[in-house]
N, C-alpha and C. Protein backbone atom coordinates (compact mmCIF):
# COMPACT_ATOMS: atom_id res chain seq x y z
N UNK A 1 0.85 -1.18 0.00
CA UNK A 1 0.00 0.00 0.00
C UNK A 1 0.89 1.24 0.00
N UNK A 2 0.69 2.19 -0.92
CA UNK A 2 1.53 3.40 -0.94
C UNK A 2 1.18 4.33 0.23
N UNK A 3 2.11 5.25 0.52
CA UNK A 3 1.90 6.20 1.59
C UNK A 3 0.78 7.18 1.23
N UNK A 4 0.07 7.63 2.26
CA UNK A 4 -0.94 8.66 2.06
C UNK A 4 -0.22 10.00 1.93
N UNK A 5 -0.51 10.76 0.91
CA UNK A 5 0.11 12.06 0.73
C UNK A 5 -0.80 13.16 1.25
N UNK A 6 -0.19 14.21 1.78
CA UNK A 6 -0.93 15.38 2.22
C UNK A 6 -1.41 16.14 0.99
N UNK A 7 -2.62 16.65 1.04
CA UNK A 7 -3.15 17.44 -0.06
C UNK A 7 -2.35 18.73 -0.13
N UNK A 8 -1.66 18.97 -1.25
CA UNK A 8 -0.68 20.06 -1.33
C UNK A 8 -1.30 21.44 -1.14
N UNK A 9 -2.47 21.70 -1.69
CA UNK A 9 -3.05 23.03 -1.53
C UNK A 9 -3.53 23.26 -0.10
N UNK A 10 -3.85 22.21 0.59
CA UNK A 10 -4.33 22.33 1.97
C UNK A 10 -3.19 22.68 2.92
N UNK A 11 -1.96 22.32 2.56
CA UNK A 11 -0.80 22.63 3.39
C UNK A 11 -0.67 24.12 3.64
N UNK A 12 -0.95 24.93 2.62
CA UNK A 12 -0.80 26.36 2.73
C UNK A 12 -2.02 27.05 3.33
N UNK A 13 -3.14 26.37 3.38
CA UNK A 13 -4.38 27.01 3.82
C UNK A 13 -4.69 26.81 5.29
N UNK A 14 -4.18 25.75 5.89
CA UNK A 14 -4.48 25.47 7.29
C UNK A 14 -3.19 25.17 8.03
N UNK A 15 -3.23 25.37 9.36
CA UNK A 15 -2.11 25.03 10.24
C UNK A 15 -2.68 24.21 11.40
N UNK A 16 -1.94 23.20 11.83
CA UNK A 16 -2.36 22.38 12.96
C UNK A 16 -1.64 22.91 14.21
N UNK A 17 -2.40 23.18 15.27
CA UNK A 17 -1.81 23.70 16.49
C UNK A 17 -1.17 22.56 17.28
N UNK A 18 -0.50 22.91 18.36
CA UNK A 18 0.19 21.91 19.19
C UNK A 18 -0.81 20.95 19.84
N UNK A 19 -2.03 21.42 20.09
CA UNK A 19 -3.04 20.56 20.72
C UNK A 19 -3.85 19.78 19.69
N UNK A 20 -3.54 19.95 18.41
CA UNK A 20 -4.23 19.19 17.37
C UNK A 20 -5.40 19.90 16.73
N UNK A 21 -5.69 21.12 17.15
CA UNK A 21 -6.77 21.88 16.51
C UNK A 21 -6.27 22.44 15.19
N UNK A 22 -7.20 22.78 14.31
CA UNK A 22 -6.83 23.25 12.98
C UNK A 22 -7.23 24.71 12.84
N UNK A 23 -6.24 25.57 12.52
CA UNK A 23 -6.50 26.99 12.28
C UNK A 23 -6.61 27.22 10.79
N UNK A 24 -7.52 28.11 10.41
CA UNK A 24 -7.70 28.43 9.00
C UNK A 24 -7.49 29.92 8.81
N UNK A 25 -7.50 30.37 7.57
CA UNK A 25 -7.35 31.78 7.27
C UNK A 25 -8.67 32.34 6.77
N UNK A 26 -8.84 33.63 6.93
CA UNK A 26 -10.07 34.30 6.49
C UNK A 26 -9.89 34.93 5.13
N UNK A 27 -10.97 35.09 4.44
CA UNK A 27 -10.96 35.78 3.14
C UNK A 27 -11.04 37.29 3.37
N UNK A 28 -10.89 38.04 2.31
CA UNK A 28 -11.05 39.51 2.28
C UNK A 28 -9.96 40.26 3.04
N UNK A 29 -8.75 39.71 3.14
CA UNK A 29 -7.72 40.45 3.87
C UNK A 29 -6.44 40.62 3.05
N UNK A 30 -6.50 40.44 1.75
CA UNK A 30 -5.29 40.55 0.94
C UNK A 30 -5.08 41.93 0.33
N UNK A 31 -6.12 42.60 -0.09
CA UNK A 31 -5.96 43.90 -0.72
C UNK A 31 -7.22 44.72 -0.51
N UNK A 32 -7.17 45.99 -0.92
CA UNK A 32 -8.29 46.93 -0.76
C UNK A 32 -8.67 47.13 0.71
N UNK A 33 -7.66 47.16 1.57
CA UNK A 33 -7.93 47.30 2.99
C UNK A 33 -8.39 48.71 3.36
N UNK A 34 -8.06 49.70 2.54
CA UNK A 34 -8.45 51.08 2.85
C UNK A 34 -9.96 51.27 2.78
N UNK A 35 -10.67 50.39 2.12
CA UNK A 35 -12.12 50.51 2.03
C UNK A 35 -12.86 49.80 3.14
N UNK A 36 -12.12 49.12 4.00
CA UNK A 36 -12.74 48.36 5.08
C UNK A 36 -12.61 49.15 6.38
N UNK A 37 -13.57 48.94 7.27
CA UNK A 37 -13.58 49.65 8.54
C UNK A 37 -12.55 49.10 9.51
N UNK A 38 -12.29 49.86 10.57
CA UNK A 38 -11.30 49.48 11.56
C UNK A 38 -11.66 48.17 12.26
N UNK A 39 -12.92 48.03 12.63
CA UNK A 39 -13.33 46.82 13.35
C UNK A 39 -13.28 45.60 12.45
N UNK A 40 -13.60 45.76 11.18
CA UNK A 40 -13.52 44.63 10.25
C UNK A 40 -12.08 44.18 10.09
N UNK A 41 -11.14 45.13 10.00
CA UNK A 41 -9.73 44.79 9.86
C UNK A 41 -9.21 44.08 11.10
N UNK A 42 -9.71 44.49 12.28
CA UNK A 42 -9.29 43.81 13.51
C UNK A 42 -9.80 42.38 13.54
N UNK A 43 -11.04 42.18 13.11
CA UNK A 43 -11.59 40.82 13.08
C UNK A 43 -10.84 39.94 12.09
N UNK A 44 -10.44 40.51 10.95
CA UNK A 44 -9.74 39.74 9.94
C UNK A 44 -8.33 39.35 10.37
N UNK A 45 -7.78 40.05 11.36
CA UNK A 45 -6.43 39.75 11.81
C UNK A 45 -6.32 38.47 12.61
N UNK A 46 -7.42 37.97 13.12
CA UNK A 46 -7.39 36.77 13.95
C UNK A 46 -7.71 35.54 13.10
N UNK A 47 -6.97 34.47 13.33
CA UNK A 47 -7.20 33.22 12.60
C UNK A 47 -8.12 32.33 13.42
N UNK A 48 -9.31 32.03 12.91
CA UNK A 48 -10.24 31.21 13.69
C UNK A 48 -9.91 29.72 13.57
N UNK A 49 -10.45 28.94 14.49
CA UNK A 49 -10.31 27.50 14.41
C UNK A 49 -11.36 26.95 13.46
N UNK A 50 -11.02 25.88 12.78
CA UNK A 50 -11.98 25.26 11.87
C UNK A 50 -13.07 24.55 12.66
N UNK A 51 -14.24 24.48 12.09
CA UNK A 51 -15.35 23.78 12.72
C UNK A 51 -15.05 22.28 12.76
N UNK A 52 -15.55 21.61 13.78
CA UNK A 52 -15.24 20.19 13.97
C UNK A 52 -15.75 19.34 12.81
N UNK A 53 -16.87 19.74 12.21
CA UNK A 53 -17.38 18.99 11.06
C UNK A 53 -16.45 19.07 9.86
N UNK A 54 -15.83 20.24 9.67
CA UNK A 54 -14.89 20.39 8.57
C UNK A 54 -13.60 19.64 8.84
N UNK A 55 -13.16 19.62 10.09
CA UNK A 55 -11.94 18.89 10.43
C UNK A 55 -12.14 17.40 10.19
N UNK A 56 -13.29 16.88 10.55
CA UNK A 56 -13.57 15.47 10.34
C UNK A 56 -13.55 15.14 8.85
N UNK A 57 -14.03 16.06 8.04
CA UNK A 57 -14.09 15.84 6.60
C UNK A 57 -12.70 15.87 5.97
N UNK A 58 -11.81 16.66 6.52
CA UNK A 58 -10.48 16.83 5.94
C UNK A 58 -9.41 16.02 6.67
N UNK A 59 -9.80 15.12 7.55
CA UNK A 59 -8.86 14.42 8.42
C UNK A 59 -7.80 13.64 7.63
N UNK A 60 -8.19 12.96 6.58
CA UNK A 60 -7.23 12.19 5.80
C UNK A 60 -6.25 13.09 5.07
N UNK A 61 -6.72 14.21 4.60
CA UNK A 61 -5.87 15.08 3.82
C UNK A 61 -4.85 15.83 4.68
N UNK A 62 -5.16 16.04 5.97
CA UNK A 62 -4.24 16.77 6.82
C UNK A 62 -3.49 15.83 7.77
N UNK A 63 -3.54 14.55 7.51
CA UNK A 63 -2.93 13.58 8.42
C UNK A 63 -1.44 13.78 8.58
N UNK A 64 -0.75 14.23 7.54
CA UNK A 64 0.70 14.35 7.59
C UNK A 64 1.19 15.75 7.92
N UNK A 65 0.31 16.67 8.29
CA UNK A 65 0.72 18.05 8.55
C UNK A 65 1.40 18.21 9.90
N UNK A 66 1.02 17.46 10.91
CA UNK A 66 1.57 17.68 12.25
C UNK A 66 2.91 17.02 12.42
């Protein structure tokens, strides 16, 4: 049986924390920041944790990230 490979595009989109939780990135924070409000920019600065249902769905693809 060949080794399971990590999904290459997923490597750059999520990070696994030391406790095994998965952090993701938010959209709308790459450009045109001058048109966004201060509070929106503050919210975009924080990386949220992925929902447990999404983590379960992507478990095989992120198996080799940690």
